[in-house]
PDB file of all heavy atoms in Angstrom:
ATOM      1  N   ASN A   1    -208.845-136.337-133.994  1.00  0.00           N
ATOM      2  CA  ASN A   1    -208.153-135.138-134.515  1.00  0.00           C
ATOM      3  C   ASN A   1    -208.505-134.747-135.958  1.00  0.00           C
ATOM      4  O   ASN A   1    -208.190-133.638-136.325  1.00  0.00           O
ATOM      5  CB  ASN A   1    -206.624-135.364-134.400  1.00  0.00           C
ATOM      6  CG  ASN A   1    -206.160-135.400-132.973  1.00  0.00           C
ATOM      7  OD1 ASN A   1    -206.095-134.379-132.296  1.00  0.00           O
ATOM      8  ND2 ASN A   1    -205.882-136.623-132.480  1.00  0.00           N
ATOM      9  N   ALA A   2    -209.150-135.633-136.676  1.00  0.00           N
ATOM     10  CA  ALA A   2    -209.660-135.299-138.009  1.00  0.00           C
ATOM     11  C   ALA A   2    -211.016-134.551-137.873  1.00  0.00           C
ATOM     12  O   ALA A   2    -211.885-134.978-137.161  1.00  0.00           O
ATOM     13  CB  ALA A   2    -209.835-136.525-138.880  1.00  0.00           C
ATOM     14  N   VAL A   3    -211.102-133.404-138.586  1.00  0.00           N
ATOM     15  CA  VAL A   3    -212.324-132.587-138.493  1.00  0.00           C
ATOM     16  C   VAL A   3    -212.801-132.288-139.921  1.00  0.00           C
ATOM     17  O   VAL A   3    -212.003-131.895-140.790  1.00  0.00           O
ATOM     18  CB  VAL A   3    -212.035-131.253-137.760  1.00  0.00           C
ATOM     19  CG1 VAL A   3    -213.317-130.422-137.669  1.00  0.00           C
ATOM     20  CG2 VAL A   3    -211.400-131.511-136.379  1.00  0.00           C
ATOM     21  N   MET A   4    -214.058-132.498-140.146  1.00  0.00           N
ATOM     22  CA  MET A   4    -214.614-132.207-141.461  1.00  0.00           C
ATOM     23  C   MET A   4    -214.337-130.726-141.819  1.00  0.00           C
ATOM     24  O   MET A   4    -214.459-129.858-140.985  1.00  0.00           O
ATOM     25  CB  MET A   4    -216.126-132.458-141.503  1.00  0.00           C
ATOM     26  CG  MET A   4    -216.493-133.908-141.361  1.00  0.00           C
ATOM     27  SD  MET A   4    -215.838-134.947-142.740  1.00  0.00           S
ATOM     28  CE  MET A   4    -216.303-136.590-142.083  1.00  0.00           C
ATOM     29  N   LYS A   5    -213.994-130.493-143.073  1.00  0.00           N
ATOM     30  CA  LYS A   5    -213.457-129.157-143.462  1.00  0.00           C
ATOM     31  C   LYS A   5    -214.414-128.034-143.107  1.00  0.00           C
ATOM     32  O   LYS A   5    -213.931-126.984-142.586  1.00  0.00           O
ATOM     33  CB  LYS A   5    -213.151-129.094-144.946  1.00  0.00           C
ATOM     34  CG  LYS A   5    -212.490-127.762-145.371  1.00  0.00           C
ATOM     35  CD  LYS A   5    -212.109-127.789-146.829  1.00  0.00           C
ATOM     36  CE  LYS A   5    -211.326-126.525-147.162  1.00  0.00           C
ATOM     37  NZ  LYS A   5    -212.060-125.225-146.857  1.00  0.00           N
ATOM     38  N   PRO A   6    -215.724-128.092-143.317  1.00  0.00           N
ATOM     39  CA  PRO A   6    -216.592-127.003-142.963  1.00  0.00           C
ATOM     40  C   PRO A   6    -216.486-126.638-141.462  1.00  0.00           C
ATOM     41  O   PRO A   6    -216.495-125.475-141.092  1.00  0.00           O
ATOM     42  CB  PRO A   6    -217.977-127.457-143.352  1.00  0.00           C
ATOM     43  CG  PRO A   6    -217.709-128.454-144.425  1.00  0.00           C
ATOM     44  CD  PRO A   6    -216.468-129.172-144.035  1.00  0.00           C
ATOM     45  N   ALA A   7    -216.389-127.677-140.588  1.00  0.00           N
ATOM     46  CA  ALA A   7    -216.315-127.433-139.176  1.00  0.00           C
ATOM     47  C   ALA A   7    -214.898-126.915-138.832  1.00  0.00           C
ATOM     48  O   ALA A   7    -214.734-126.047-137.989  1.00  0.00           O
ATOM     49  CB  ALA A   7    -216.604-128.699-138.422  1.00  0.00           C
ATOM     50  N   PHE A   8    -213.895-127.447-139.497  1.00  0.00           N
ATOM     51  CA  PHE A   8    -212.498-127.033-139.261  1.00  0.00           C
ATOM     52  C   PHE A   8    -212.345-125.523-139.579  1.00  0.00           C
ATOM     53  O   PHE A   8    -211.660-124.825-138.810  1.00  0.00           O
ATOM     54  CB  PHE A   8    -211.519-127.838-140.095  1.00  0.00           C
ATOM     55  CG  PHE A   8    -210.100-127.572-139.872  1.00  0.00           C
ATOM     56  CD1 PHE A   8    -209.382-128.169-138.823  1.00  0.00           C
ATOM     57  CD2 PHE A   8    -209.416-126.638-140.647  1.00  0.00           C
ATOM     58  CE1 PHE A   8    -208.042-127.915-138.609  1.00  0.00           C
ATOM     59  CE2 PHE A   8    -208.075-126.369-140.450  1.00  0.00           C
ATOM     60  CZ  PHE A   8    -207.358-126.986-139.418  1.00  0.00           C
ATOM     61  N   ASP A   9    -212.923-125.077-140.673  1.00  0.00           N
ATOM     62  CA  ASP A   9    -212.794-123.684-141.067  1.00  0.00           C
ATOM     63  C   ASP A   9    -213.423-122.739-140.055  1.00  0.00           C
ATOM     64  O   ASP A   9    -212.991-121.550-139.976  1.00  0.00           O
ATOM     65  CB  ASP A   9    -213.450-123.457-142.438  1.00  0.00           C
ATOM     66  CG  ASP A   9    -212.693-124.121-143.574  1.00  0.00           C
ATOM     67  OD1 ASP A   9    -211.472-124.474-143.342  1.00  0.00           O
ATOM     68  OD2 ASP A   9    -213.254-124.329-144.625  1.00  0.00           O
ATOM     69  N   LYS A  10    -214.348-123.207-139.239  1.00  0.00           N
ATOM     70  CA  LYS A  10    -215.015-122.378-138.285  1.00  0.00           C
ATOM     71  C   LYS A  10    -214.240-122.327-136.934  1.00  0.00           C
ATOM     72  O   LYS A  10    -214.574-121.522-136.077  1.00  0.00           O
ATOM     73  CB  LYS A  10    -216.444-122.859-138.055  1.00  0.00           C
ATOM     74  CG  LYS A  10    -217.322-122.700-139.241  1.00  0.00           C
ATOM     75  CD  LYS A  10    -218.701-123.284-139.039  1.00  0.00           C
ATOM     76  CE  LYS A  10    -219.586-123.165-140.273  1.00  0.00           C
ATOM     77  NZ  LYS A  10    -220.942-123.807-140.043  1.00  0.00           N
ATOM     78  N   LEU A  11    -213.289-123.182-136.794  1.00  0.00           N
ATOM     79  CA  LEU A  11    -212.533-123.268-135.499  1.00  0.00           C
ATOM     80  C   LEU A  11    -211.638-122.033-135.342  1.00  0.00           C
ATOM     81  O   LEU A  11    -211.081-121.527-136.341  1.00  0.00           O
ATOM     82  CB  LEU A  11    -211.697-124.509-135.429  1.00  0.00           C
ATOM     83  CG  LEU A  11    -212.342-125.855-135.326  1.00  0.00           C
ATOM     84  CD1 LEU A  11    -211.351-126.969-135.356  1.00  0.00           C
ATOM     85  CD2 LEU A  11    -213.222-125.920-134.058  1.00  0.00           C
ATOM     86  N   ALA A  12    -211.526-121.564-134.119  1.00  0.00           N
ATOM     87  CA  ALA A  12    -210.520-120.533-133.817  1.00  0.00           C
ATOM     88  C   ALA A  12    -209.137-121.144-134.008  1.00  0.00           C
ATOM     89  O   ALA A  12    -208.938-122.290-133.920  1.00  0.00           O
ATOM     90  CB  ALA A  12    -210.707-120.022-132.358  1.00  0.00           C
ATOM     91  N   ASP A  13    -208.181-120.298-134.316  1.00  0.00           N
ATOM     92  CA  ASP A  13    -206.836-120.769-134.582  1.00  0.00           C
ATOM     93  C   ASP A  13    -206.260-121.593-133.466  1.00  0.00           C
ATOM     94  O   ASP A  13    -205.584-122.612-133.728  1.00  0.00           O
ATOM     95  CB  ASP A  13    -205.873-119.541-134.878  1.00  0.00           C
ATOM     96  CG  ASP A  13    -206.170-118.851-136.190  1.00  0.00           C
ATOM     97  OD1 ASP A  13    -206.843-119.516-137.039  1.00  0.00           O
ATOM     98  OD2 ASP A  13    -205.681-117.767-136.426  1.00  0.00           O
ATOM     99  N   ASP A  14    -206.499-121.265-132.248  1.00  0.00           N
ATOM    100  CA  ASP A  14    -205.913-122.036-131.128  1.00  0.00           C
ATOM    101  C   ASP A  14    -206.594-123.392-131.037  1.00  0.00           C
ATOM    102  O   ASP A  14    -205.992-124.337-130.470  1.00  0.00           O
ATOM    103  CB  ASP A  14    -206.055-121.244-129.816  1.00  0.00           C
ATOM    104  CG  ASP A  14    -207.516-120.967-129.439  1.00  0.00           C
ATOM    105  OD1 ASP A  14    -208.318-120.682-130.298  1.00  0.00           O
ATOM    106  OD2 ASP A  14    -207.818-121.090-128.230  1.00  0.00           O
ATOM    107  N   LYS A  15    -207.794-123.558-131.556  1.00  0.00           N
ATOM    108  CA  LYS A  15    -208.484-124.821-131.483  1.00  0.00           C
ATOM    109  C   LYS A  15    -208.072-125.744-132.637  1.00  0.00           C
ATOM    110  O   LYS A  15    -208.355-126.955-132.618  1.00  0.00           O
ATOM    111  CB  LYS A  15    -210.009-124.597-131.585  1.00  0.00           C
ATOM    112  CG  LYS A  15    -210.599-123.793-130.425  1.00  0.00           C
ATOM    113  CD  LYS A  15    -210.465-124.536-129.094  1.00  0.00           C
ATOM    114  CE  LYS A  15    -211.145-123.716-127.962  1.00  0.00           C
ATOM    115  NZ  LYS A  15    -211.001-124.395-126.675  1.00  0.00           N
ATOM    116  N   LYS A  16    -207.362-125.164-133.661  1.00  0.00           N
ATOM    117  CA  LYS A  16    -206.917-125.968-134.780  1.00  0.00           C
ATOM    118  C   LYS A  16    -205.616-126.705-134.520  1.00  0.00           C
ATOM    119  O   LYS A  16    -205.265-127.614-135.230  1.00  0.00           O
ATOM    120  CB  LYS A  16    -206.738-125.093-135.989  1.00  0.00           C
ATOM    121  CG  LYS A  16    -208.051-124.523-136.594  1.00  0.00           C
ATOM    122  CD  LYS A  16    -207.772-123.684-137.784  1.00  0.00           C
ATOM    123  CE  LYS A  16    -209.045-123.134-138.414  1.00  0.00           C
ATOM    124  NZ  LYS A  16    -208.801-122.236-139.578  1.00  0.00           N
ATOM    125  N   VAL A  17    -204.921-126.329-133.419  1.00  0.00           N
ATOM    126  CA  VAL A  17    -203.642-126.951-133.104  1.00  0.00           C
ATOM    127  C   VAL A  17    -203.812-128.424-132.846  1.00  0.00           C
ATOM    128  O   VAL A  17    -204.647-128.825-131.995  1.00  0.00           O
ATOM    129  CB  VAL A  17    -203.024-126.267-131.835  1.00  0.00           C
ATOM    130  CG1 VAL A  17    -201.712-126.968-131.484  1.00  0.00           C
ATOM    131  CG2 VAL A  17    -202.778-124.740-132.117  1.00  0.00           C
ATOM    132  N   GLY A  18    -203.066-129.237-133.607  1.00  0.00           N
ATOM    133  CA  GLY A  18    -203.145-130.676-133.490  1.00  0.00           C
ATOM    134  C   GLY A  18    -204.249-131.320-134.218  1.00  0.00           C
ATOM    135  O   GLY A  18    -204.334-132.554-134.301  1.00  0.00           O
ATOM    136  N   LYS A  19    -205.096-130.525-134.855  1.00  0.00           N
ATOM    137  CA  LYS A  19    -206.211-131.058-135.695  1.00  0.00           C
ATOM    138  C   LYS A  19    -205.872-130.925-137.148  1.00  0.00           C
ATOM    139  O   LYS A  19    -204.928-130.185-137.541  1.00  0.00           O
ATOM    140  CB  LYS A  19    -207.504-130.273-135.419  1.00  0.00           C
ATOM    141  CG  LYS A  19    -207.890-130.184-133.913  1.00  0.00           C
ATOM    142  CD  LYS A  19    -208.357-131.491-133.364  1.00  0.00           C
ATOM    143  CE  LYS A  19    -208.853-131.352-131.916  1.00  0.00           C
ATOM    144  NZ  LYS A  19    -209.235-132.643-131.333  1.00  0.00           N
ATOM    145  N   PHE A  20    -206.613-131.627-137.984  1.00  0.00           N
ATOM    146  CA  PHE A  20    -206.390-131.491-139.460  1.00  0.00           C
ATOM    147  C   PHE A  20    -207.728-131.677-140.136  1.00  0.00           C
ATOM    148  O   PHE A  20    -208.597-132.427-139.707  1.00  0.00           O
ATOM    149  CB  PHE A  20    -205.342-132.456-139.986  1.00  0.00           C
ATOM    150  CG  PHE A  20    -205.693-133.959-139.740  1.00  0.00           C
ATOM    151  CD1 PHE A  20    -206.327-134.682-140.702  1.00  0.00           C
ATOM    152  CD2 PHE A  20    -205.313-134.572-138.548  1.00  0.00           C
ATOM    153  CE1 PHE A  20    -206.645-136.012-140.500  1.00  0.00           C
ATOM    154  CE2 PHE A  20    -205.613-135.891-138.327  1.00  0.00           C
ATOM    155  CZ  PHE A  20    -206.272-136.650-139.319  1.00  0.00           C
ATOM    156  N   PRO A  21    -207.934-130.946-141.287  1.00  0.00           N
ATOM    157  CA  PRO A  21    -209.203-131.056-141.963  1.00  0.00           C
ATOM    158  C   PRO A  21    -209.274-132.285-142.910  1.00  0.00           C
ATOM    159  O   PRO A  21    -208.278-132.710-143.499  1.00  0.00           O
ATOM    160  CB  PRO A  21    -209.242-129.735-142.794  1.00  0.00           C
ATOM    161  CG  PRO A  21    -207.822-129.448-143.071  1.00  0.00           C
ATOM    162  CD  PRO A  21    -207.082-129.943-141.866  1.00  0.00           C
ATOM    163  N   ILE A  22    -210.451-132.874-143.016  1.00  0.00           N
ATOM    164  CA  ILE A  22    -210.698-133.903-143.972  1.00  0.00           C
ATOM    165  C   ILE A  22    -211.903-133.570-144.795  1.00  0.00           C
ATOM    166  O   ILE A  22    -212.729-132.737-144.404  1.00  0.00           O
ATOM    167  CB  ILE A  22    -210.921-135.305-143.345  1.00  0.00           C
ATOM    168  CG1 ILE A  22    -212.103-135.307-142.381  1.00  0.00           C
ATOM    169  CG2 ILE A  22    -209.623-135.743-142.630  1.00  0.00           C
ATOM    170  CD1 ILE A  22    -212.434-136.673-141.823  1.00  0.00           C
ATOM    171  N   GLY A  23    -211.971-134.142-146.001  1.00  0.00           N
ATOM    172  CA  GLY A  23    -213.099-133.811-146.901  1.00  0.00           C
ATOM    173  C   GLY A  23    -212.558-133.279-148.198  1.00  0.00           C
ATOM    174  O   GLY A  23    -211.385-133.446-148.515  1.00  0.00           O
ATOM    175  N   LEU A  24    -213.414-132.652-148.986  1.00  0.00           N
ATOM    176  CA  LEU A  24    -213.008-132.012-150.242  1.00  0.00           C
ATOM    177  C   LEU A  24    -212.338-130.712-149.867  1.00  0.00           C
ATOM    178  O   LEU A  24    -212.997-129.754-149.420  1.00  0.00           O
ATOM    179  CB  LEU A  24    -214.203-131.829-151.156  1.00  0.00           C
ATOM    180  CG  LEU A  24    -213.946-131.134-152.528  1.00  0.00           C
ATOM    181  CD1 LEU A  24    -212.921-131.886-153.324  1.00  0.00           C
ATOM    182  CD2 LEU A  24    -215.237-130.976-153.289  1.00  0.00           C
ATOM    183  N   LEU A  25    -211.063-130.546-150.118  1.00  0.00           N
ATOM    184  CA  LEU A  25    -210.307-129.410-149.699  1.00  0.00           C
ATOM    185  C   LEU A  25    -210.147-128.403-150.838  1.00  0.00           C
ATOM    186  O   LEU A  25    -209.961-127.192-150.593  1.00  0.00           O
ATOM    187  CB  LEU A  25    -208.910-129.807-149.230  1.00  0.00           C
ATOM    188  CG  LEU A  25    -208.840-130.890-148.130  1.00  0.00           C
ATOM    189  CD1 LEU A  25    -207.459-131.155-147.701  1.00  0.00           C
ATOM    190  CD2 LEU A  25    -209.713-130.469-146.937  1.00  0.00           C
ATOM    191  N   HIS A  26    -210.215-128.841-152.104  1.00  0.00           N
ATOM    192  CA  HIS A  26    -210.024-127.887-153.205  1.00  0.00           C
ATOM    193  C   HIS A  26    -210.612-128.536-154.464  1.00  0.00           C
ATOM    194  O   HIS A  26    -210.438-129.741-154.687  1.00  0.00           O
ATOM    195  CB  HIS A  26    -208.538-127.602-153.429  1.00  0.00           C
ATOM    196  CG  HIS A  26    -208.264-126.835-154.656  1.00  0.00           C
ATOM    197  ND1 HIS A  26    -208.397-125.403-154.713  1.00  0.00           N
ATOM    198  CD2 HIS A  26    -207.913-127.200-155.919  1.00  0.00           C
ATOM    199  CE1 HIS A  26    -208.093-125.006-155.949  1.00  0.00           C
ATOM    200  NE2 HIS A  26    -207.809-126.050-156.682  1.00  0.00           N
ATOM    201  N   GLN A  27    -211.268-127.732-155.268  1.00  0.00           N
ATOM    202  CA  GLN A  27    -211.726-128.188-156.578  1.00  0.00           C
ATOM    203  C   GLN A  27    -211.902-126.995-157.517  1.00  0.00           C
ATOM    204  O   GLN A  27    -212.419-125.987-157.119  1.00  0.00           O
ATOM    205  CB  GLN A  27    -213.059-128.935-156.465  1.00  0.00           C
ATOM    206  CG  GLN A  27    -213.509-129.635-157.750  1.00  0.00           C
ATOM    207  CD  GLN A  27    -214.698-130.589-157.513  1.00  0.00           C
ATOM    208  OE1 GLN A  27    -215.468-130.399-156.592  1.00  0.00           O
ATOM    209  NE2 GLN A  27    -214.792-131.603-158.368  1.00  0.00           N
ATOM    210  N   HIS A  28    -211.450-127.147-158.752  1.00  0.00           N
ATOM    211  CA  HIS A  28    -211.781-126.146-159.783  1.00  0.00           C
ATOM    212  C   HIS A  28    -211.672-126.868-161.124  1.00  0.00           C
ATOM    213  O   HIS A  28    -211.263-127.979-161.253  1.00  0.00           O
ATOM    214  CB  HIS A  28    -210.729-124.995-159.764  1.00  0.00           C
ATOM    215  CG  HIS A  28    -209.365-125.340-160.252  1.00  0.00           C
ATOM    216  ND1 HIS A  28    -208.387-125.894-159.492  1.00  0.00           N
ATOM    217  CD2 HIS A  28    -208.833-125.195-161.522  1.00  0.00           C
ATOM    218  CE1 HIS A  28    -207.249-126.076-160.213  1.00  0.00           C
ATOM    219  NE2 HIS A  28    -207.528-125.662-161.461  1.00  0.00           N
ATOM    220  N   GLN A  29    -212.197-126.218-162.143  1.00  0.00           N
ATOM    221  CA  GLN A  29    -212.222-126.762-163.471  1.00  0.00           C
ATOM    222  C   GLN A  29    -211.140-126.246-164.350  1.00  0.00           C
ATOM    223  O   GLN A  29    -210.829-125.048-164.313  1.00  0.00           O
ATOM    224  CB  GLN A  29    -213.609-126.501-164.126  1.00  0.00           C
ATOM    225  CG  GLN A  29    -214.754-127.282-163.479  1.00  0.00           C
ATOM    226  CD  GLN A  29    -216.077-127.076-164.271  1.00  0.00           C
ATOM    227  OE1 GLN A  29    -216.265-126.135-164.983  1.00  0.00           O
ATOM    228  NE2 GLN A  29    -216.964-128.036-164.063  1.00  0.00           N
ATOM    229  N   SER A  30    -210.549-127.148-165.154  1.00  0.00           N
ATOM    230  CA  SER A  30    -209.483-126.762-166.097  1.00  0.00           C
ATOM    231  C   SER A  30    -209.394-127.889-167.105  1.00  0.00           C
ATOM    232  O   SER A  30    -209.697-129.026-166.780  1.00  0.00           O
ATOM    233  CB  SER A  30    -208.187-126.527-165.368  1.00  0.00           C
ATOM    234  OG  SER A  30    -207.195-126.184-166.279  1.00  0.00           O
ATOM    235  N   ILE A  31    -208.981-127.592-168.311  1.00  0.00           N
ATOM    236  CA  ILE A  31    -208.859-128.595-169.332  1.00  0.00           C
ATOM    237  C   ILE A  31    -207.819-129.630-168.895  1.00  0.00           C
ATOM    238  O   ILE A  31    -206.776-129.306-168.358  1.00  0.00           O
ATOM    239  CB  ILE A  31    -208.451-127.987-170.711  1.00  0.00           C
ATOM    240  CG1 ILE A  31    -208.460-129.092-171.783  1.00  0.00           C
ATOM    241  CG2 ILE A  31    -207.135-127.263-170.611  1.00  0.00           C
ATOM    242  CD1 ILE A  31    -208.372-128.513-173.209  1.00  0.00           C
ATOM    243  N   ASP A  32    -208.164-130.911-169.063  1.00  0.00           N
ATOM    244  CA  ASP A  32    -207.216-131.956-168.695  1.00  0.00           C
ATOM    245  C   ASP A  32    -206.175-132.188-169.819  1.00  0.00           C
ATOM    246  O   ASP A  32    -206.382-131.735-170.961  1.00  0.00           O
ATOM    247  CB  ASP A  32    -207.973-133.270-168.401  1.00  0.00           C
ATOM    248  CG  ASP A  32    -208.735-133.750-169.591  1.00  0.00           C
ATOM    249  OD1 ASP A  32    -209.820-133.255-169.865  1.00  0.00           O
ATOM    250  OD2 ASP A  32    -208.243-134.679-170.272  1.00  0.00           O
ATOM    251  N   TYR A  33    -205.097-132.866-169.473  1.00  0.00           N
ATOM    252  CA  TYR A  33    -203.918-132.846-170.355  1.00  0.00           C
ATOM    253  C   TYR A  33    -204.141-133.629-171.615  1.00  0.00           C
ATOM    254  O   TYR A  33    -203.637-133.211-172.690  1.00  0.00           O
ATOM    255  CB  TYR A  33    -202.752-133.502-169.569  1.00  0.00           C
ATOM    256  CG  TYR A  33    -201.439-133.271-170.214  1.00  0.00           C
ATOM    257  CD1 TYR A  33    -200.996-131.970-170.526  1.00  0.00           C
ATOM    258  CD2 TYR A  33    -200.567-134.324-170.511  1.00  0.00           C
ATOM    259  CE1 TYR A  33    -199.765-131.764-171.068  1.00  0.00           C
ATOM    260  CE2 TYR A  33    -199.321-134.088-171.025  1.00  0.00           C
ATOM    261  CZ  TYR A  33    -198.921-132.807-171.325  1.00  0.00           C
ATOM    262  OH  TYR A  33    -197.662-132.617-171.902  1.00  0.00           O
ATOM    263  N   ASP A  34    -204.920-134.722-171.634  1.00  0.00           N
ATOM    264  CA  ASP A  34    -205.089-135.465-172.904  1.00  0.00           C
ATOM    265  C   ASP A  34    -205.923-134.654-173.891  1.00  0.00           C
ATOM    266  O   ASP A  34    -205.679-134.675-175.132  1.00  0.00           O
ATOM    267  CB  ASP A  34    -205.624-136.865-172.693  1.00  0.00           C
ATOM    268  CG  ASP A  34    -206.853-136.864-171.838  1.00  0.00           C
ATOM    269  OD1 ASP A  34    -206.803-136.466-170.660  1.00  0.00           O
ATOM    270  OD2 ASP A  34    -207.916-137.426-172.282  1.00  0.00           O
TER     271      ASP A  34
END
């Protein structure tokens, strides 16, 4: 049921039911707190 995110994003909505994406889901740059 785990699907690599690039492949998951290409699935039709009905094919995503019961599945979940794995991999790098989000990344952006911002100054860290310290």
